[in-house]
C-alpha atoms as a PDB file:
ATOM      1  CA  PHE A   1      13.148 -19.366   1.170  1.00  0.00           C
ATOM      2  CA  SER A   2       9.641 -20.173   2.509  1.00  0.00           C
ATOM      3  CA  LYS A   3       6.189 -18.945   2.822  1.00  0.00           C
ATOM      4  CA  SER A   4       7.411 -16.504   5.310  1.00  0.00           C
ATOM      5  CA  SER A   5       9.651 -14.871   2.817  1.00  0.00           C
ATOM      6  CA  LEU A   6       6.623 -13.074   1.544  1.00  0.00           C
ATOM      7  CA  ASN A   7       5.248 -11.177   4.506  1.00  0.00           C
ATOM      8  CA  GLY A   8       4.095  -7.527   4.104  1.00  0.00           C
ATOM      9  CA  VAL A   9       3.993  -5.251   1.035  1.00  0.00           C
ATOM     10  CA  GLY A  10       5.994  -5.328  -2.041  1.00  0.00           C
ATOM     11  CA  VAL A  11       5.547  -2.758  -4.939  1.00  0.00           C
ATOM     12  CA  LEU A  12       4.974  -4.946  -8.072  1.00  0.00           C
ATOM     13  CA  SER A  13       5.689  -3.612 -11.630  1.00  0.00           C
ATOM     14  CA  ALA A  14       5.435  -5.555 -14.953  1.00  0.00           C
ATOM     15  CA  SER A  15       5.448  -4.869 -18.580  1.00  0.00           C
ATOM     16  CA  GLY A  16       4.121  -6.923 -21.416  1.00  0.00           C
ATOM     17  CA  ALA A  17       2.824  -6.501 -25.191  1.00  0.00           C
ATOM     18  CA  ALA A  18      -0.882  -7.175 -25.614  1.00  0.00           C
ATOM     19  CA  GLN A  19      -2.999  -7.159 -28.717  1.00  0.00           C
ATOM     20  CA  SER A  20      -5.673  -4.541 -29.307  1.00  0.00           C
ATOM     21  CA  GLY A  21      -8.694  -4.949 -31.169  1.00  0.00           C
ATOM     22  CA  ASP A  22     -11.035  -8.206 -31.269  1.00  0.00           C
ATOM     23  CA  LYS A  23     -11.136 -10.048 -34.569  1.00  0.00           C
ATOM     24  CA  GLN A  24     -14.249 -12.156 -33.384  1.00  0.00           C
ATOM     25  CA  LYS A  25     -16.162  -8.714 -32.631  1.00  0.00           C
ATOM     26  CA  LYS A  26     -15.103  -7.467 -36.218  1.00  0.00           C
ATOM     27  CA  GLN A  27     -13.256  -4.486 -34.586  1.00  0.00           C
ATOM     28  CA  ALA A  28     -10.094  -2.927 -36.035  1.00  0.00           C
ATOM     29  CA  PRO A  29      -7.403  -5.417 -36.925  1.00  0.00           C
ATOM     30  CA  ALA A  30      -5.261  -6.480 -33.793  1.00  0.00           C
ATOM     31  CA  SER A  31      -2.001  -4.577 -33.162  1.00  0.00           C
ATOM     32  CA  VAL A  32       0.549  -4.916 -30.457  1.00  0.00           C
ATOM     33  CA  VAL A  33       0.432  -2.366 -27.813  1.00  0.00           C
ATOM     34  CA  PRO A  34       2.162  -1.985 -24.417  1.00  0.00           C
ATOM     35  CA  ASP A  35       0.432  -3.341 -21.432  1.00  0.00           C
ATOM     36  CA  VAL A  36       2.036  -2.071 -18.239  1.00  0.00           C
ATOM     37  CA  VAL A  37       1.095  -2.864 -14.539  1.00  0.00           C
ATOM     38  CA  LEU A  38       2.111  -1.185 -11.336  1.00  0.00           C
ATOM     39  CA  GLY A  39       0.659  -1.900  -7.851  1.00  0.00           C
ATOM     40  CA  LEU A  40       0.857  -3.719  -4.543  1.00  0.00           C
ATOM     41  CA  PHE A  41       1.427  -7.300  -3.343  1.00  0.00           C
ATOM     42  CA  THR A  42       0.428  -7.738   0.322  1.00  0.00           C
ATOM     43  CA  ALA A  43       1.270 -11.224   1.696  1.00  0.00           C
ATOM     44  CA  ASP A  44       0.616 -12.557   5.156  1.00  0.00           C
ATOM     45  CA  GLY A  45       3.812 -15.022   5.395  1.00  0.00           C
ATOM     46  CA  SER A  46       1.362 -18.021   5.526  1.00  0.00           C
ATOM     47  CA  GLY A  47       0.469 -18.362   1.860  1.00  0.00           C
ATOM     48  CA  ASN A  48      -2.180 -15.809   1.374  1.00  0.00           C
ATOM     49  CA  ALA A  49      -1.960 -12.614  -0.376  1.00  0.00           C
ATOM     50  CA  THR A  50      -3.851  -9.781  -2.077  1.00  0.00           C
ATOM     51  CA  THR A  51      -3.067  -7.573  -5.157  1.00  0.00           C
ATOM     52  CA  SER A  52      -4.082  -4.046  -5.945  1.00  0.00           C
ATOM     53  CA  LEU A  53      -3.124  -3.039  -9.515  1.00  0.00           C
ATOM     54  CA  ASP A  54      -3.201  -0.111 -11.898  1.00  0.00           C
ATOM     55  CA  GLU A  55      -2.797  -0.967 -15.617  1.00  0.00           C
ATOM     56  CA  ASN A  56      -2.341   1.016 -18.605  1.00  0.00           C
ATOM     57  CA  ASN A  57      -3.211  -1.339 -21.678  1.00  0.00           C
ATOM     58  CA  GLY A  58      -2.450   0.747 -24.796  1.00  0.00           C
ATOM     59  CA  GLY A  59      -3.845   3.909 -23.355  1.00  0.00           C
ATOM     60  CA  THR A  60      -6.759   2.392 -21.673  1.00  0.00           C
ATOM     61  CA  LEU A  61      -6.384   2.855 -17.658  1.00  0.00           C
ATOM     62  CA  THR A  62      -7.978   0.465 -15.240  1.00  0.00           C
ATOM     63  CA  GLN A  63      -7.386   1.543 -11.570  1.00  0.00           C
ATOM     64  CA  GLN A  64      -6.826  -0.427  -8.271  1.00  0.00           C
ATOM     65  CA  GLN A  65      -7.842  -3.926  -9.642  1.00  0.00           C
ATOM     66  CA  THR A  66      -8.097  -5.978  -6.524  1.00  0.00           C
ATOM     67  CA  ASN A  67      -7.783  -9.729  -6.210  1.00  0.00           C
ATOM     68  CA  GLN A  68      -7.128 -12.455  -3.522  1.00  0.00           C
ATOM     69  CA  GLY A  69      -5.266 -15.712  -3.991  1.00  0.00           C
ATOM     70  CA  THR A  70      -2.612 -18.037  -2.373  1.00  0.00           C
ATOM     71  CA  TYR A  71       1.199 -18.676  -3.081  1.00  0.00           C
ATOM     72  CA  SER A  72       3.479 -21.514  -2.391  1.00  0.00           C
ATOM     73  CA  VAL A  73       7.361 -21.095  -2.123  1.00  0.00           C
ATOM     74  CA  VAL A  74      10.038 -23.800  -2.684  1.00  0.00           C
ATOM     75  CA  SER A  75      13.463 -23.653  -1.145  1.00  0.00           C
ATOM     76  CA  ASN A  76      15.008 -22.183  -4.067  1.00  0.00           C
ATOM     77  CA  GLY A  77      12.690 -19.055  -4.206  1.00  0.00           C
ATOM     78  CA  ARG A  78      10.436 -20.212  -7.026  1.00  0.00           C
ATOM     79  CA  THR A  79       6.926 -19.084  -6.215  1.00  0.00           C
ATOM     80  CA  THR A  80       3.717 -20.257  -7.739  1.00  0.00           C
ATOM     81  CA  LEU A  81       0.492 -18.207  -7.332  1.00  0.00           C
ATOM     82  CA  ALA A  82      -2.933 -19.520  -7.480  1.00  0.00           C
ATOM     83  CA  GLY A  83      -6.076 -17.247  -7.728  1.00  0.00           C
ATOM     84  CA  PHE A  84      -5.681 -13.746  -8.320  1.00  0.00           C
ATOM     85  CA  GLY A  85      -8.653 -13.391 -10.995  1.00  0.00           C
ATOM     86  CA  SER A  86      -9.074 -14.933 -14.309  1.00  0.00           C
ATOM     87  CA  GLY A  87      -5.978 -16.044 -16.398  1.00  0.00           C
ATOM     88  CA  ALA A  88      -2.838 -17.710 -15.115  1.00  0.00           C
ATOM     89  CA  PRO A  89      -0.958 -15.650 -12.585  1.00  0.00           C
ATOM     90  CA  PRO A  90       2.637 -14.840 -12.867  1.00  0.00           C
ATOM     91  CA  ILE A  91       5.683 -16.860 -11.314  1.00  0.00           C
ATOM     92  CA  PHE A  92       7.967 -15.147  -8.932  1.00  0.00           C
ATOM     93  CA  TYR A  93      11.531 -15.924  -8.417  1.00  0.00           C
ATOM     94  CA  LEU A  94      12.539 -14.508  -4.757  1.00  0.00           C
ATOM     95  CA  VAL A  95      15.896 -12.954  -4.343  1.00  0.00           C
ATOM     96  CA  ASN A  96      15.137 -11.473  -0.732  1.00  0.00           C
ATOM     97  CA  THR A  97      12.053 -10.948   1.634  1.00  0.00           C
ATOM     98  CA  ASN A  98       9.252  -9.211  -0.467  1.00  0.00           C
ATOM     99  CA  GLN A  99      11.751  -8.895  -3.406  1.00  0.00           C
ATOM    100  CA  ALA A 100      11.610 -10.929  -6.661  1.00  0.00           C
ATOM    101  CA  PHE A 101      11.721 -11.149 -10.310  1.00  0.00           C
ATOM    102  CA  ILE A 102       8.436 -11.748 -12.154  1.00  0.00           C
ATOM    103  CA  VAL A 103       7.713 -13.712 -15.369  1.00  0.00           C
ATOM    104  CA  GLY A 104       4.180 -13.956 -16.739  1.00  0.00           C
ATOM    105  CA  GLN A 105       2.390 -16.958 -17.961  1.00  0.00           C
ATOM    106  CA  ASP A 106      -0.146 -15.163 -20.228  1.00  0.00           C
ATOM    107  CA  ASN A 107       0.186 -14.277 -23.811  1.00  0.00           C
ATOM    108  CA  SER A 108       1.240 -10.831 -23.317  1.00  0.00           C
ATOM    109  CA  VAL A 109       4.754 -12.204 -22.235  1.00  0.00           C
ATOM    110  CA  SER A 110       5.067  -9.939 -19.215  1.00  0.00           C
ATOM    111  CA  ALA A 111       8.073  -9.621 -17.188  1.00  0.00           C
ATOM    112  CA  GLY A 112       8.921  -7.400 -14.040  1.00  0.00           C
ATOM    113  CA  SER A 113       9.951  -7.214 -10.449  1.00  0.00           C
ATOM    114  CA  MET A 114       8.833  -6.671  -6.957  1.00  0.00           C
ATOM    115  CA  ALA A 115      10.366  -4.548  -4.450  1.00  0.00           C
ATOM    116  CA  PRO A 116       9.751  -4.288  -0.744  1.00  0.00           C
ATOM    117  CA  GLN A 117       7.824  -1.277   0.275  1.00  0.00           C
ATOM    118  CA  SER A 118       8.997   0.720   3.311  1.00  0.00           C
ATOM    119  CA  GLY A 119       8.422   4.269   4.760  1.00  0.00           C
ATOM    120  CA  SER A 120       4.801   4.016   6.238  1.00  0.00           C
ATOM    121  CA  PRO A 121       2.897   5.716   7.340  1.00  0.00           C
ATOM    122  CA  PHE A 122       2.429   7.514   3.996  1.00  0.00           C
ATOM    123  CA  SER A 123       1.220  10.834   3.299  1.00  0.00           C
ATOM    124  CA  ASN A 124       2.098  13.841   0.942  1.00  0.00           C
ATOM    125  CA  GLY A 125       5.373  14.306   3.028  1.00  0.00           C
ATOM    126  CA  SER A 126       6.486  10.894   1.877  1.00  0.00           C
ATOM    127  CA  ALA A 127       7.342  12.494  -1.513  1.00  0.00           C
ATOM    128  CA  ILE A 128       9.726  15.482  -0.671  1.00  0.00           C
ATOM    129  CA  GLY A 129      12.933  16.541  -2.385  1.00  0.00           C
ATOM    130  CA  THR A 130      14.533  16.001  -5.772  1.00  0.00           C
ATOM    131  CA  TYR A 131      14.075  12.938  -7.757  1.00  0.00           C
ATOM    132  CA  TRP A 132      15.448  11.978 -11.084  1.00  0.00           C
ATOM    133  CA  GLY A 133      14.901   8.716 -13.301  1.00  0.00           C
ATOM    134  CA  GLY A 134      13.604   7.400 -16.221  1.00  0.00           C
ATOM    135  CA  SER A 135      11.945   4.676 -18.304  1.00  0.00           C
ATOM    136  CA  ILE A 136      12.318   0.928 -17.742  1.00  0.00           C
ATOM    137  CA  MET A 137      11.465  -2.009 -19.995  1.00  0.00           C
ATOM    138  CA  PRO A 138       9.905  -0.514 -22.857  1.00  0.00           C
ATOM    139  CA  VAL A 139       8.286  -3.111 -24.856  1.00  0.00           C
ATOM    140  CA  THR A 140       7.593  -1.882 -28.334  1.00  0.00           C
ATOM    141  CA  ALA A 141       9.470   0.365 -30.730  1.00  0.00           C
ATOM    142  CA  THR A 142       6.400   2.902 -30.392  1.00  0.00           C
ATOM    143  CA  VAL A 143       7.321   3.642 -26.883  1.00  0.00           C
ATOM    144  CA  THR A 144       8.707   7.371 -26.338  1.00  0.00           C
ATOM    145  CA  ASP A 145      11.363   7.030 -23.434  1.00  0.00           C
ATOM    146  CA  SER A 146      11.748   9.610 -20.888  1.00  0.00           C
ATOM    147  CA  VAL A 147      14.302  10.851 -18.333  1.00  0.00           C
ATOM    148  CA  ALA A 148      12.951  13.323 -15.737  1.00  0.00           C
ATOM    149  CA  TRP A 149      14.030  15.444 -12.758  1.00  0.00           C
ATOM    150  CA  VAL A 150      11.320  16.777 -10.561  1.00  0.00           C
ATOM    151  CA  VAL A 151      11.094  18.662  -7.098  1.00  0.00           C
ATOM    152  CA  ALA A 152       8.335  17.456  -4.767  1.00  0.00           C
ATOM    153  CA  ASP A 153       7.622  20.006  -1.936  1.00  0.00           C
ATOM    154  CA  GLY A 154       6.042  17.561   0.576  1.00  0.00           C
ATOM    155  CA  ASN A 155       2.907  19.522   0.313  1.00  0.00           C
ATOM    156  CA  GLY A 156       1.435  18.271  -2.946  1.00  0.00           C
ATOM    157  CA  ASN A 157       3.144  20.326  -5.488  1.00  0.00           C
ATOM    158  CA  LEU A 158       5.544  19.040  -8.038  1.00  0.00           C
ATOM    159  CA  SER A 159       7.549  20.702 -10.981  1.00  0.00           C
ATOM    160  CA  GLY A 160      10.524  19.402 -13.026  1.00  0.00           C
ATOM    161  CA  THR A 161      11.544  18.800 -16.553  1.00  0.00           C
ATOM    162  CA  SER A 162      11.085  15.642 -18.887  1.00  0.00           C
ATOM    163  CA  ASN A 163      13.580  14.826 -21.720  1.00  0.00           C
ATOM    164  CA  THR A 164      12.111  12.442 -24.307  1.00  0.00           C
ATOM    165  CA  SER A 165      13.416  10.325 -27.177  1.00  0.00           C
ATOM    166  CA  GLY A 166      11.209   8.349 -29.489  1.00  0.00           C
ATOM    167  CA  PRO A 167      10.042   7.611 -32.984  1.00  0.00           C
ATOM    168  CA  SER A 168       9.326  11.146 -33.801  1.00  0.00           C
ATOM    169  CA  GLY A 169      12.752  12.325 -32.345  1.00  0.00           C
ATOM    170  CA  THR A 170      13.715  13.916 -29.132  1.00  0.00           C
ATOM    171  CA  GLY A 171      12.052  16.644 -27.051  1.00  0.00           C
ATOM    172  CA  THR A 172      11.900  18.483 -23.645  1.00  0.00           C
ATOM    173  CA  GLN A 173       8.820  19.308 -21.764  1.00  0.00           C
ATOM    174  CA  PRO A 174       8.161  21.089 -18.372  1.00  0.00           C
ATOM    175  CA  ILE A 175       6.278  19.356 -15.516  1.00  0.00           C
ATOM    176  CA  THR A 176       4.043  21.317 -13.305  1.00  0.00           C
ATOM    177  CA  ALA A 177       1.484  19.142 -11.274  1.00  0.00           C
ATOM    178  CA  THR A 178      -0.033  18.417  -8.080  1.00  0.00           C
ATOM    179  CA  TYR A 179      -0.044  14.975  -6.076  1.00  0.00           C
ATOM    180  CA  SER A 180      -1.856  13.251  -3.394  1.00  0.00           C
ATOM    181  CA  VAL A 181      -0.366  10.123  -1.613  1.00  0.00           C
ATOM    182  CA  ASP A 182      -2.879   7.976   0.221  1.00  0.00           C
ATOM    183  CA  GLY A 183      -2.313   5.667   3.130  1.00  0.00           C
ATOM    184  CA  THR A 184      -0.915   2.588   0.977  1.00  0.00           C
ATOM    185  CA  GLY A 185       1.798   4.791  -0.777  1.00  0.00           C
ATOM    186  CA  ARG A 186      -0.325   5.231  -4.007  1.00  0.00           C
ATOM    187  CA  MET A 187       0.134   8.543  -5.335  1.00  0.00           C
ATOM    188  CA  THR A 188      -1.876  10.454  -8.095  1.00  0.00           C
ATOM    189  CA  LEU A 189      -0.167  13.010 -10.197  1.00  0.00           C
ATOM    190  CA  THR A 190      -2.493  15.922 -11.763  1.00  0.00           C
ATOM    191  CA  GLU A 191      -1.658  18.172 -14.560  1.00  0.00           C
ATOM    192  CA  ASN A 192      -3.867  20.636 -16.006  1.00  0.00           C
ATOM    193  CA  GLY A 193      -6.799  19.212 -14.149  1.00  0.00           C
ATOM    194  CA  SER A 194      -6.407  15.660 -15.451  1.00  0.00           C
ATOM    195  CA  LEU A 195      -4.907  12.597 -14.177  1.00  0.00           C
ATOM    196  CA  SER A 196      -1.447  12.225 -15.778  1.00  0.00           C
ATOM    197  CA  ALA A 197       0.121   9.406 -13.680  1.00  0.00           C
ATOM    198  CA  ILE A 198      -0.172   7.085 -11.078  1.00  0.00           C
ATOM    199  CA  LEU A 199       2.962   6.318  -8.506  1.00  0.00           C
ATOM    200  CA  TYR A 200       3.790   4.241  -5.896  1.00  0.00           C
ATOM    201  CA  VAL A 201       6.087   4.964  -2.981  1.00  0.00           C
ATOM    202  CA  ILE A 202       8.671   2.050  -2.895  1.00  0.00           C
ATOM    203  CA  SER A 203      10.876   3.723  -0.149  1.00  0.00           C
ATOM    204  CA  PRO A 204      11.662   7.240   1.216  1.00  0.00           C
ATOM    205  CA  THR A 205      14.141   7.743  -1.743  1.00  0.00           C
ATOM    206  CA  SER A 206      12.421   5.848  -4.465  1.00  0.00           C
ATOM    207  CA  VAL A 207       9.014   5.781  -6.514  1.00  0.00           C
ATOM    208  CA  ALA A 208       7.611   3.918  -9.433  1.00  0.00           C
ATOM    209  CA  VAL A 209       5.465   5.692 -12.236  1.00  0.00           C
ATOM    210  CA  LEU A 210       2.718   4.489 -14.380  1.00  0.00           C
ATOM    211  CA  PRO A 211       1.646   6.854 -17.199  1.00  0.00           C
ATOM    212  CA  ALA A 212      -2.203   7.279 -16.966  1.00  0.00           C
ATOM    213  CA  THR A 213      -3.050   8.323 -20.687  1.00  0.00           C
ATOM    214  CA  ASP A 214      -0.105   7.353 -22.932  1.00  0.00           C
ATOM    215  CA  PRO A 215      -1.234   5.022 -25.576  1.00  0.00           C
ATOM    216  CA  ASP A 216       2.358   3.589 -25.765  1.00  0.00           C
ATOM    217  CA  PRO A 217       3.247   3.569 -22.130  1.00  0.00           C
ATOM    218  CA  ALA A 218       6.448   2.506 -20.286  1.00  0.00           C
ATOM    219  CA  LEU A 219       6.948   2.458 -16.551  1.00  0.00           C
ATOM    220  CA  SER A 220       9.603   4.666 -14.911  1.00  0.00           C
ATOM    221  CA  VAL A 221      11.471   4.602 -11.671  1.00  0.00           C
ATOM    222  CA  TRP A 222      12.459   7.885  -9.904  1.00  0.00           C
ATOM    223  CA  GLY A 223      15.329   7.959  -7.337  1.00  0.00           C
ATOM    224  CA  SER A 224      16.377  10.528  -4.689  1.00  0.00           C
ATOM    225  CA  THR A 225      19.302  11.025  -2.326  1.00  0.00           C
ATOM    226  CA  ASN A 226      16.994  12.883   0.116  1.00  0.00           C
END
């Protein structure tokens, strides 16, 4: 491995547990909430990179946080980052070009992975056919896991069913939504006039899903044989 092992775009996903509340500001006592991140890592093959990340921290959504930084790769694939905003950036362990396991160095104890993105140029037609999949890496006992199957028509309409299991038991909910895919592969899902999820196209047969409003979020991955 070398710096050129990161060259192009990867879809980055990570899950951790953050504390809510601020004792110094005399807010409500701190509690642990899921903090999940999904977005893009774009590298130039020479040690420079940018990130654009969406985050749901206990139900608080922050969209398209962008940062720049540098990276260094040793021959065994261990990759250290510098910059990328405040705080200590995560460490990557490369397994292939633009593909890595991720471990955080912050107090949320985050972990995740990065997959190489393919299938550009992106449009609504990049999401078409039948997809199925479910939750990955739930980090607290309060998370409601889900398994879903959906049909996307390539024209911005999506429907299907979600089966859930959580602290309050099991359930089934219909999904009826519209979607829009931008040129980066970022996809917004709208239900009943409100943003419900942000997705990223990983490949022509795979997408990753970030819940937009769930106060106990977990990331999901949906796959397709189309």
